[in-house]
Amino acid sequence: MSGDFLRQMAEHSRERVQAAKAACPEQQLSERIAALPEPPPLVRSTAGFDLIAELKLRSPAAGRLRDGDEDVPARVTAYAKAGAAAVSVLTEPSRFDGSMAHLQSAADALRPMRVPAMRKDFLVDPYQVLEARAAGASGVLVILRMLPRSRLDELIESALRLRLFVLLEAFDEADLELAHDLLARHAADARAAGSQDGRPLLLVGVNCRDLTTLQVVPQRLDQLASLLPAGAPRVAESGVVSADDARRVARAGYDLALVGSALMQGADPGALARDMLAAGRAGAAER
């Protein structure tokens, strides 16, 4: 199932790339980017723990999280006001009801607040990194399990050229070994790209979702924490649904948590985000 799910997502992603390139060739996209202002950088708090809040309308495991008429600007603005360091936006349409329009709308709303948006998708082609930048994104997520090493290098290089941050997503020990190698390979380029303001451009996350069942296994965050590279911000992905969870992962050594479903389903996402941040920062102080 794990191979099937990621393979299907990769196939759908390649089909989307082909259609997008036909509608807007790469050169035209690059010219559009050249005329755009630089997007807000990812800025880490000195408090030791941060939140990446997520806009996600559907989950393959949980089903629909919000209606299709969700007010994207209002939601991402609430996240930013609550203190989120960044907002992750799902752009995959077939299983997550996402779109590039959501990313553009979120980035437009967040820009005056100097909060970055990150494209979260099953990226397979550097063209999609250009798409993210053209839509106003400051970063992209790259799934280590899904692509050959050469293509991972190309995606990272494309992002760093544009001064976008990259969240490298790992699921197990083998993925984290690859993350170590990729960080070493691209460390100099990341330092050069971020040298003007010291922004972190390479992050490593552990997604504790079981790709066989698509269910979340929170204990994997604790099991894999010690294997995370020390030279990049560490992100807990999935499995953080409460303030207590945020405190737990911060104590385990994570610097940020990416939270989607809990915020999307909660009655007051701003309050939950603030509670998670306070608990996570308390946990970071207890390390």
C-alpha atoms as a PDB file:
ATOM      1  CA  MET A   1       0.000   0.000   0.000  1.00  0.00           C
ATOM      2  CA  SER A   2       2.776   2.460   0.847  1.00  0.00           C
ATOM      3  CA  GLY A   3       4.363   2.070  -2.555  1.00  0.00           C
ATOM      4  CA  ASP A   4       0.941   2.129  -4.203  1.00  0.00           C
ATOM      5  CA  PHE A   5      -0.145   5.346  -2.474  1.00  0.00           C
ATOM      6  CA  LEU A   6       3.029   7.287  -3.207  1.00  0.00           C
ATOM      7  CA  ARG A   7       3.271   5.851  -6.716  1.00  0.00           C
ATOM      8  CA  GLN A   8      -0.294   6.937  -7.467  1.00  0.00           C
ATOM      9  CA  MET A   9       0.335  10.380  -6.058  1.00  0.00           C
ATOM     10  CA  ALA A  10       3.543  10.676  -8.101  1.00  0.00           C
ATOM     11  CA  GLU A  11       1.746   9.631 -11.292  1.00  0.00           C
ATOM     12  CA  HIS A  12      -1.025  12.156 -10.736  1.00  0.00           C
ATOM     13  CA  SER A  13       1.588  14.805  -9.995  1.00  0.00           C
ATOM     14  CA  ARG A  14       3.433  14.119 -13.253  1.00  0.00           C
ATOM     15  CA  GLU A  15       0.160  14.457 -15.166  1.00  0.00           C
ATOM     16  CA  ARG A  16      -0.431  17.828 -13.515  1.00  0.00           C
ATOM     17  CA  VAL A  17       3.088  18.958 -14.413  1.00  0.00           C
ATOM     18  CA  GLN A  18       2.563  18.094 -18.059  1.00  0.00           C
ATOM     19  CA  ALA A  19      -0.690  20.047 -18.170  1.00  0.00           C
ATOM     20  CA  ALA A  20       0.843  23.019 -16.351  1.00  0.00           C
ATOM     21  CA  LYS A  21       3.861  23.156 -18.660  1.00  0.00           C
ATOM     22  CA  ALA A  22       1.574  23.101 -21.688  1.00  0.00           C
ATOM     23  CA  ALA A  23      -0.406  26.028 -20.272  1.00  0.00           C
ATOM     24  CA  CYS A  24       2.617  28.015 -19.064  1.00  0.00           C
ATOM     25  CA  PRO A  25       6.099  27.068 -20.331  1.00  0.00           C
ATOM     26  CA  GLU A  26       8.971  27.216 -17.855  1.00  0.00           C
ATOM     27  CA  GLN A  27      10.519  30.306 -19.428  1.00  0.00           C
ATOM     28  CA  GLN A  28       7.264  32.213 -19.085  1.00  0.00           C
ATOM     29  CA  LEU A  29       6.970  31.128 -15.460  1.00  0.00           C
ATOM     30  CA  SER A  30      10.544  32.216 -14.732  1.00  0.00           C
ATOM     31  CA  GLU A  31       9.861  35.640 -16.268  1.00  0.00           C
ATOM     32  CA  ARG A  32       6.812  36.020 -14.047  1.00  0.00           C
ATOM     33  CA  ILE A  33       8.883  35.151 -10.970  1.00  0.00           C
ATOM     34  CA  ALA A  34      11.548  37.705 -11.879  1.00  0.00           C
ATOM     35  CA  ALA A  35       8.948  40.465 -11.583  1.00  0.00           C
ATOM     36  CA  LEU A  36       7.740  39.390  -8.139  1.00  0.00           C
ATOM     37  CA  PRO A  37       8.924  40.664  -4.758  1.00  0.00           C
ATOM     38  CA  GLU A  38      10.741  38.179  -2.551  1.00  0.00           C
ATOM     39  CA  PRO A  39       8.326  36.332  -0.264  1.00  0.00           C
ATOM     40  CA  PRO A  40       8.579  36.462   3.545  1.00  0.00           C
ATOM     41  CA  PRO A  41      11.338  34.283   5.014  1.00  0.00           C
ATOM     42  CA  LEU A  42      10.835  31.579   7.616  1.00  0.00           C
ATOM     43  CA  VAL A  43      11.950  33.127  10.910  1.00  0.00           C
ATOM     44  CA  ARG A  44      12.461  30.913  13.946  1.00  0.00           C
ATOM     45  CA  SER A  45      11.424  32.143  17.373  1.00  0.00           C
ATOM     46  CA  THR A  46      13.999  32.470  20.129  1.00  0.00           C
ATOM     47  CA  ALA A  47      11.502  30.671  22.405  1.00  0.00           C
ATOM     48  CA  GLY A  48      12.718  27.291  21.112  1.00  0.00           C
ATOM     49  CA  PHE A  49       9.582  25.922  19.474  1.00  0.00           C
ATOM     50  CA  ASP A  50       7.426  26.989  16.523  1.00  0.00           C
ATOM     51  CA  LEU A  51       4.306  25.931  14.687  1.00  0.00           C
ATOM     52  CA  ILE A  52       3.672  25.342  11.002  1.00  0.00           C
ATOM     53  CA  ALA A  53      -0.118  25.513  10.745  1.00  0.00           C
ATOM     54  CA  GLU A  54      -1.729  23.778   7.798  1.00  0.00           C
ATOM     55  CA  LEU A  55      -4.571  24.482   5.414  1.00  0.00           C
ATOM     56  CA  LYS A  56      -5.940  21.072   4.420  1.00  0.00           C
ATOM     57  CA  LEU A  57      -9.527  20.516   3.299  1.00  0.00           C
ATOM     58  CA  ARG A  58      -9.411  16.720   3.077  1.00  0.00           C
ATOM     59  CA  SER A  59      -7.327  13.869   4.456  1.00  0.00           C
ATOM     60  CA  PRO A  60      -7.155  10.434   2.768  1.00  0.00           C
ATOM     61  CA  ALA A  61      -7.501   8.847   6.201  1.00  0.00           C
ATOM     62  CA  ALA A  62     -10.039  11.158   7.869  1.00  0.00           C
ATOM     63  CA  GLY A  63     -12.030  12.299   4.840  1.00  0.00           C
ATOM     64  CA  ARG A  64     -13.368  15.827   4.433  1.00  0.00           C
ATOM     65  CA  LEU A  65     -12.109  18.220   7.094  1.00  0.00           C
ATOM     66  CA  ARG A  66     -13.759  21.428   5.883  1.00  0.00           C
ATOM     67  CA  ASP A  67     -16.208  22.438   3.180  1.00  0.00           C
ATOM     68  CA  GLY A  68     -14.914  23.415  -0.222  1.00  0.00           C
ATOM     69  CA  ASP A  69     -16.009  27.030   0.334  1.00  0.00           C
ATOM     70  CA  GLU A  70     -13.539  27.493   3.201  1.00  0.00           C
ATOM     71  CA  ASP A  71     -12.451  31.120   3.642  1.00  0.00           C
ATOM     72  CA  VAL A  72      -8.741  30.639   2.991  1.00  0.00           C
ATOM     73  CA  PRO A  73      -7.575  34.181   3.827  1.00  0.00           C
ATOM     74  CA  ALA A  74      -9.517  34.205   7.102  1.00  0.00           C
ATOM     75  CA  ARG A  75      -8.126  30.864   8.220  1.00  0.00           C
ATOM     76  CA  VAL A  76      -4.484  31.527   7.415  1.00  0.00           C
ATOM     77  CA  THR A  77      -4.734  34.990   8.945  1.00  0.00           C
ATOM     78  CA  ALA A  78      -6.041  33.406  12.148  1.00  0.00           C
ATOM     79  CA  TYR A  79      -3.054  31.052  12.135  1.00  0.00           C
ATOM     80  CA  ALA A  80      -0.645  33.946  11.690  1.00  0.00           C
ATOM     81  CA  LYS A  81      -2.257  36.026  14.430  1.00  0.00           C
ATOM     82  CA  ALA A  82      -1.941  33.036  16.763  1.00  0.00           C
ATOM     83  CA  GLY A  83       1.820  33.035  16.211  1.00  0.00           C
ATOM     84  CA  ALA A  84       2.390  30.407  13.494  1.00  0.00           C
ATOM     85  CA  ALA A  85       5.872  30.716  11.999  1.00  0.00           C
ATOM     86  CA  ALA A  86       4.596  29.473   8.630  1.00  0.00           C
ATOM     87  CA  VAL A  87       1.476  28.107   6.968  1.00  0.00           C
ATOM     88  CA  SER A  88       1.524  24.884   4.968  1.00  0.00           C
ATOM     89  CA  VAL A  89      -0.961  24.768   2.085  1.00  0.00           C
ATOM     90  CA  LEU A  90      -2.032  21.517   0.419  1.00  0.00           C
ATOM     91  CA  THR A  91      -2.149  21.921  -3.348  1.00  0.00           C
ATOM     92  CA  GLU A  92      -2.849  18.278  -4.315  1.00  0.00           C
ATOM     93  CA  PRO A  93      -6.373  18.110  -5.799  1.00  0.00           C
ATOM     94  CA  SER A  94      -7.332  14.440  -6.110  1.00  0.00           C
ATOM     95  CA  ARG A  95      -7.023  13.247  -2.505  1.00  0.00           C
ATOM     96  CA  PHE A  96      -6.684  16.480  -0.518  1.00  0.00           C
ATOM     97  CA  ASP A  97      -9.019  18.892  -2.391  1.00  0.00           C
ATOM     98  CA  GLY A  98      -6.110  21.333  -2.691  1.00  0.00           C
ATOM     99  CA  SER A  99      -5.235  23.778  -5.439  1.00  0.00           C
ATOM    100  CA  MET A 100      -2.649  26.321  -6.491  1.00  0.00           C
ATOM    101  CA  ALA A 101      -5.374  28.935  -6.052  1.00  0.00           C
ATOM    102  CA  HIS A 102      -5.423  28.109  -2.332  1.00  0.00           C
ATOM    103  CA  LEU A 103      -1.668  28.669  -2.168  1.00  0.00           C
ATOM    104  CA  GLN A 104      -1.890  31.982  -4.009  1.00  0.00           C
ATOM    105  CA  SER A 105      -4.754  33.151  -1.800  1.00  0.00           C
ATOM    106  CA  ALA A 106      -2.936  32.128   1.382  1.00  0.00           C
ATOM    107  CA  ALA A 107       0.340  33.750   0.334  1.00  0.00           C
ATOM    108  CA  ASP A 108      -1.442  36.987  -0.585  1.00  0.00           C
ATOM    109  CA  ALA A 109      -3.156  37.131   2.811  1.00  0.00           C
ATOM    110  CA  LEU A 110       0.005  36.277   4.752  1.00  0.00           C
ATOM    111  CA  ARG A 111       2.434  38.589   2.946  1.00  0.00           C
ATOM    112  CA  PRO A 112       1.459  41.793   4.828  1.00  0.00           C
ATOM    113  CA  MET A 113       1.961  39.862   8.094  1.00  0.00           C
ATOM    114  CA  ARG A 114       5.414  38.661   6.984  1.00  0.00           C
ATOM    115  CA  VAL A 115       4.431  35.011   7.507  1.00  0.00           C
ATOM    116  CA  PRO A 116       5.605  32.526   4.850  1.00  0.00           C
ATOM    117  CA  ALA A 117       3.461  30.019   3.004  1.00  0.00           C
ATOM    118  CA  MET A 118       4.787  26.561   2.108  1.00  0.00           C
ATOM    119  CA  ARG A 119       3.559  24.432  -0.769  1.00  0.00           C
ATOM    120  CA  LYS A 120       2.767  20.915   0.419  1.00  0.00           C
ATOM    121  CA  ASP A 121       2.303  18.450  -2.421  1.00  0.00           C
ATOM    122  CA  PHE A 122       3.817  15.366  -4.020  1.00  0.00           C
ATOM    123  CA  LEU A 123       6.457  17.246  -5.969  1.00  0.00           C
ATOM    124  CA  VAL A 124       8.164  15.348  -8.774  1.00  0.00           C
ATOM    125  CA  ASP A 125       9.604  18.090 -11.008  1.00  0.00           C
ATOM    126  CA  PRO A 126      11.570  21.325 -10.440  1.00  0.00           C
ATOM    127  CA  TYR A 127       8.864  23.085 -12.453  1.00  0.00           C
ATOM    128  CA  GLN A 128       6.589  22.665  -9.430  1.00  0.00           C
ATOM    129  CA  VAL A 129       9.085  24.573  -7.289  1.00  0.00           C
ATOM    130  CA  LEU A 130       8.838  27.425  -9.793  1.00  0.00           C
ATOM    131  CA  GLU A 131       5.046  27.179  -9.605  1.00  0.00           C
ATOM    132  CA  ALA A 132       5.222  27.507  -5.823  1.00  0.00           C
ATOM    133  CA  ARG A 133       7.436  30.594  -6.024  1.00  0.00           C
ATOM    134  CA  ALA A 134       5.209  32.152  -8.681  1.00  0.00           C
ATOM    135  CA  ALA A 135       2.209  31.672  -6.379  1.00  0.00           C
ATOM    136  CA  GLY A 136       3.994  33.513  -3.567  1.00  0.00           C
ATOM    137  CA  ALA A 137       5.272  30.576  -1.543  1.00  0.00           C
ATOM    138  CA  SER A 138       8.403  30.856   0.581  1.00  0.00           C
ATOM    139  CA  GLY A 139       9.002  27.110   0.840  1.00  0.00           C
ATOM    140  CA  VAL A 140       8.173  23.636  -0.403  1.00  0.00           C
ATOM    141  CA  LEU A 141       7.897  20.147   1.048  1.00  0.00           C
ATOM    142  CA  VAL A 142       9.889  17.330  -0.570  1.00  0.00           C
ATOM    143  CA  ILE A 143       9.062  13.682   0.186  1.00  0.00           C
ATOM    144  CA  LEU A 144      12.318  11.711   0.421  1.00  0.00           C
ATOM    145  CA  ARG A 145      10.680   8.296   0.006  1.00  0.00           C
ATOM    146  CA  MET A 146       9.104   9.098  -3.323  1.00  0.00           C
ATOM    147  CA  LEU A 147      11.919  10.061  -5.689  1.00  0.00           C
ATOM    148  CA  PRO A 148      15.387   8.940  -6.811  1.00  0.00           C
ATOM    149  CA  ARG A 149      18.345  10.775  -5.314  1.00  0.00           C
ATOM    150  CA  SER A 150      19.102  12.684  -8.520  1.00  0.00           C
ATOM    151  CA  ARG A 151      15.613  14.160  -8.662  1.00  0.00           C
ATOM    152  CA  LEU A 152      15.710  15.078  -4.963  1.00  0.00           C
ATOM    153  CA  ASP A 153      18.935  16.983  -5.632  1.00  0.00           C
ATOM    154  CA  GLU A 154      17.288  18.822  -8.528  1.00  0.00           C
ATOM    155  CA  LEU A 155      14.285  19.859  -6.426  1.00  0.00           C
ATOM    156  CA  ILE A 156      16.496  21.101  -3.578  1.00  0.00           C
ATOM    157  CA  GLU A 157      18.811  22.971  -5.942  1.00  0.00           C
ATOM    158  CA  SER A 158      15.859  24.638  -7.643  1.00  0.00           C
ATOM    159  CA  ALA A 159      14.434  25.769  -4.296  1.00  0.00           C
ATOM    160  CA  LEU A 160      17.743  27.108  -3.024  1.00  0.00           C
ATOM    161  CA  ARG A 161      18.314  29.095  -6.209  1.00  0.00           C
ATOM    162  CA  LEU A 162      15.007  30.810  -5.479  1.00  0.00           C
ATOM    163  CA  ARG A 163      15.866  31.171  -1.757  1.00  0.00           C
ATOM    164  CA  LEU A 164      12.921  28.981  -0.776  1.00  0.00           C
ATOM    165  CA  PHE A 165      13.109  26.815   2.325  1.00  0.00           C
ATOM    166  CA  VAL A 166      12.741  23.053   1.908  1.00  0.00           C
ATOM    167  CA  LEU A 167      11.144  20.677   4.394  1.00  0.00           C
ATOM    168  CA  LEU A 168      12.615  17.224   3.748  1.00  0.00           C
ATOM    169  CA  GLU A 169       9.976  14.701   4.832  1.00  0.00           C
ATOM    170  CA  ALA A 170      11.115  11.367   6.259  1.00  0.00           C
ATOM    171  CA  PHE A 171       9.105   8.356   7.369  1.00  0.00           C
ATOM    172  CA  ASP A 172      11.738   5.973   8.720  1.00  0.00           C
ATOM    173  CA  GLU A 173      15.401   5.373   9.491  1.00  0.00           C
ATOM    174  CA  ALA A 174      16.399   4.956   5.846  1.00  0.00           C
ATOM    175  CA  ASP A 175      14.792   8.279   4.944  1.00  0.00           C
ATOM    176  CA  LEU A 176      16.674   9.987   7.764  1.00  0.00           C
ATOM    177  CA  GLU A 177      19.984   8.547   6.562  1.00  0.00           C
ATOM    178  CA  LEU A 178      19.221  10.063   3.164  1.00  0.00           C
ATOM    179  CA  ALA A 179      18.336  13.358   4.842  1.00  0.00           C
ATOM    180  CA  HIS A 180      21.780  13.419   6.479  1.00  0.00           C
ATOM    181  CA  ASP A 181      23.394  12.917   3.064  1.00  0.00           C
ATOM    182  CA  LEU A 182      21.277  15.591   1.391  1.00  0.00           C
ATOM    183  CA  LEU A 183      22.018  18.112   4.121  1.00  0.00           C
ATOM    184  CA  ALA A 184      25.745  17.509   3.730  1.00  0.00           C
ATOM    185  CA  ARG A 185      25.488  17.775  -0.059  1.00  0.00           C
ATOM    186  CA  HIS A 186      23.526  21.032  -0.060  1.00  0.00           C
ATOM    187  CA  ALA A 187      24.769  22.699   3.127  1.00  0.00           C
ATOM    188  CA  ALA A 188      27.078  25.154   1.364  1.00  0.00           C
ATOM    189  CA  ASP A 189      24.387  26.225  -1.115  1.00  0.00           C
ATOM    190  CA  ALA A 190      21.884  26.641   1.711  1.00  0.00           C
ATOM    191  CA  ARG A 191      24.294  28.811   3.684  1.00  0.00           C
ATOM    192  CA  ALA A 192      25.007  30.942   0.637  1.00  0.00           C
ATOM    193  CA  ALA A 193      21.324  31.348  -0.207  1.00  0.00           C
ATOM    194  CA  GLY A 194      20.421  32.290   3.348  1.00  0.00           C
ATOM    195  CA  SER A 195      23.527  34.292   4.147  1.00  0.00           C
ATOM    196  CA  GLN A 196      21.848  37.694   3.944  1.00  0.00           C
ATOM    197  CA  ASP A 197      19.484  37.097   6.844  1.00  0.00           C
ATOM    198  CA  GLY A 198      20.503  33.785   8.364  1.00  0.00           C
ATOM    199  CA  ARG A 199      17.179  32.169   7.527  1.00  0.00           C
ATOM    200  CA  PRO A 200      16.961  28.351   7.807  1.00  0.00           C
ATOM    201  CA  LEU A 201      16.520  26.927   4.313  1.00  0.00           C
ATOM    202  CA  LEU A 202      16.768  23.187   4.957  1.00  0.00           C
ATOM    203  CA  LEU A 203      14.544  21.516   7.546  1.00  0.00           C
ATOM    204  CA  VAL A 204      14.011  17.817   8.269  1.00  0.00           C
ATOM    205  CA  GLY A 205      10.666  16.411   9.356  1.00  0.00           C
ATOM    206  CA  VAL A 206       9.393  13.059  10.558  1.00  0.00           C
ATOM    207  CA  ASN A 207       5.923  12.160   9.340  1.00  0.00           C
ATOM    208  CA  CYS A 208       4.579   9.522  11.710  1.00  0.00           C
ATOM    209  CA  ARG A 209       1.803   8.415   9.386  1.00  0.00           C
ATOM    210  CA  ASP A 210       1.931   4.709   8.523  1.00  0.00           C
ATOM    211  CA  LEU A 211       1.855   4.575   4.732  1.00  0.00           C
ATOM    212  CA  THR A 212       0.363   1.086   4.773  1.00  0.00           C
ATOM    213  CA  THR A 213      -2.724   1.964   6.807  1.00  0.00           C
ATOM    214  CA  LEU A 214      -2.557   5.772   6.444  1.00  0.00           C
ATOM    215  CA  GLN A 215      -3.098   5.935  10.200  1.00  0.00           C
ATOM    216  CA  VAL A 216      -0.978   8.080  12.501  1.00  0.00           C
ATOM    217  CA  VAL A 217       1.488   6.328  14.823  1.00  0.00           C
ATOM    218  CA  PRO A 218       2.573   9.091  17.252  1.00  0.00           C
ATOM    219  CA  GLN A 219       5.217   6.978  19.021  1.00  0.00           C
ATOM    220  CA  ARG A 220       7.320   7.021  15.852  1.00  0.00           C
ATOM    221  CA  LEU A 221       8.107  10.652  16.538  1.00  0.00           C
ATOM    222  CA  ASP A 222       9.793   9.630  19.771  1.00  0.00           C
ATOM    223  CA  GLN A 223      11.454   6.564  18.251  1.00  0.00           C
ATOM    224  CA  LEU A 224      13.079   8.524  15.412  1.00  0.00           C
ATOM    225  CA  ALA A 225      13.894  11.775  17.229  1.00  0.00           C
ATOM    226  CA  SER A 226      17.442  10.740  18.139  1.00  0.00           C
ATOM    227  CA  LEU A 227      18.225   9.997  14.462  1.00  0.00           C
ATOM    228  CA  LEU A 228      17.367  13.476  13.206  1.00  0.00           C
ATOM    229  CA  PRO A 229      20.265  15.585  11.914  1.00  0.00           C
ATOM    230  CA  ALA A 230      21.499  18.126  14.419  1.00  0.00           C
ATOM    231  CA  GLY A 231      22.330  20.718  11.787  1.00  0.00           C
ATOM    232  CA  ALA A 232      18.788  21.558  10.667  1.00  0.00           C
ATOM    233  CA  PRO A 233      15.518  22.489  12.374  1.00  0.00           C
ATOM    234  CA  ARG A 234      13.571  19.321  13.228  1.00  0.00           C
ATOM    235  CA  VAL A 235       9.856  19.126  12.472  1.00  0.00           C
ATOM    236  CA  ALA A 236       7.259  16.764  13.954  1.00  0.00           C
ATOM    237  CA  GLU A 237       4.663  16.025  11.258  1.00  0.00           C
ATOM    238  CA  SER A 238       1.326  14.385  12.052  1.00  0.00           C
ATOM    239  CA  GLY A 239       0.444  13.072  15.488  1.00  0.00           C
ATOM    240  CA  VAL A 240       0.328  16.484  17.191  1.00  0.00           C
ATOM    241  CA  VAL A 241      -3.309  17.171  18.024  1.00  0.00           C
ATOM    242  CA  SER A 242      -3.159  18.787  21.475  1.00  0.00           C
ATOM    243  CA  ALA A 243      -1.056  21.072  23.624  1.00  0.00           C
ATOM    244  CA  ASP A 244       0.196  18.011  25.518  1.00  0.00           C
ATOM    245  CA  ASP A 245       1.405  16.517  22.229  1.00  0.00           C
ATOM    246  CA  ALA A 246       3.257  19.717  21.389  1.00  0.00           C
ATOM    247  CA  ARG A 247       4.992  19.667  24.753  1.00  0.00           C
ATOM    248  CA  ARG A 248       5.923  16.011  24.305  1.00  0.00           C
ATOM    249  CA  VAL A 249       7.521  16.429  20.878  1.00  0.00           C
ATOM    250  CA  ALA A 250       9.360  19.564  21.988  1.00  0.00           C
ATOM    251  CA  ARG A 251      10.821  17.683  24.931  1.00  0.00           C
ATOM    252  CA  ALA A 252      11.840  14.896  22.519  1.00  0.00           C
ATOM    253  CA  GLY A 253      13.940  17.405  20.562  1.00  0.00           C
ATOM    254  CA  TYR A 254      11.675  18.734  17.812  1.00  0.00           C
ATOM    255  CA  ASP A 255      11.959  22.440  17.021  1.00  0.00           C
ATOM    256  CA  LEU A 256       8.665  22.790  15.170  1.00  0.00           C
ATOM    257  CA  ALA A 257       5.416  20.901  14.716  1.00  0.00           C
ATOM    258  CA  LEU A 258       3.384  20.820  11.521  1.00  0.00           C
ATOM    259  CA  VAL A 259      -0.287  20.608  12.522  1.00  0.00           C
ATOM    260  CA  GLY A 260      -3.129  20.179  10.051  1.00  0.00           C
ATOM    261  CA  SER A 261      -6.156  18.067  10.900  1.00  0.00           C
ATOM    262  CA  ALA A 262      -6.483  19.176  14.519  1.00  0.00           C
ATOM    263  CA  LEU A 263      -6.494  22.848  13.511  1.00  0.00           C
ATOM    264  CA  MET A 264      -8.831  22.282  10.578  1.00  0.00           C
ATOM    265  CA  GLN A 265     -11.367  20.408  12.701  1.00  0.00           C
ATOM    266  CA  GLY A 266     -11.114  22.528  15.832  1.00  0.00           C
ATOM    267  CA  ALA A 267     -13.807  25.050  16.745  1.00  0.00           C
ATOM    268  CA  ASP A 268     -11.202  27.724  17.564  1.00  0.00           C
ATOM    269  CA  PRO A 269      -8.006  27.057  15.598  1.00  0.00           C
ATOM    270  CA  GLY A 270      -6.361  30.250  16.823  1.00  0.00           C
ATOM    271  CA  ALA A 271      -6.783  29.274  20.468  1.00  0.00           C
ATOM    272  CA  LEU A 272      -5.521  25.749  19.826  1.00  0.00           C
ATOM    273  CA  ALA A 273      -2.474  27.080  17.976  1.00  0.00           C
ATOM    274  CA  ARG A 274      -1.665  29.441  20.852  1.00  0.00           C
ATOM    275  CA  ASP A 275      -2.043  26.634  23.390  1.00  0.00           C
ATOM    276  CA  MET A 276       0.230  24.366  21.338  1.00  0.00           C
ATOM    277  CA  LEU A 277       2.861  27.059  21.034  1.00  0.00           C
ATOM    278  CA  ALA A 278       2.851  27.790  24.765  1.00  0.00           C
ATOM    279  CA  ALA A 279       3.068  24.096  25.650  1.00  0.00           C
ATOM    280  CA  GLY A 280       5.727  23.396  23.050  1.00  0.00           C
ATOM    281  CA  ARG A 281       7.881  26.247  24.298  1.00  0.00           C
ATOM    282  CA  ALA A 282       7.510  25.003  27.855  1.00  0.00           C
ATOM    283  CA  GLY A 283       8.609  21.571  26.651  1.00  0.00           C
ATOM    284  CA  ALA A 284      11.601  23.021  24.811  1.00  0.00           C
ATOM    285  CA  ALA A 285      12.700  24.707  28.038  1.00  0.00           C
ATOM    286  CA  GLU A 286      12.586  21.308  29.797  1.00  0.00           C
ATOM    287  CA  ARG A 287      14.972  19.544  27.400  1.00  0.00           C
END
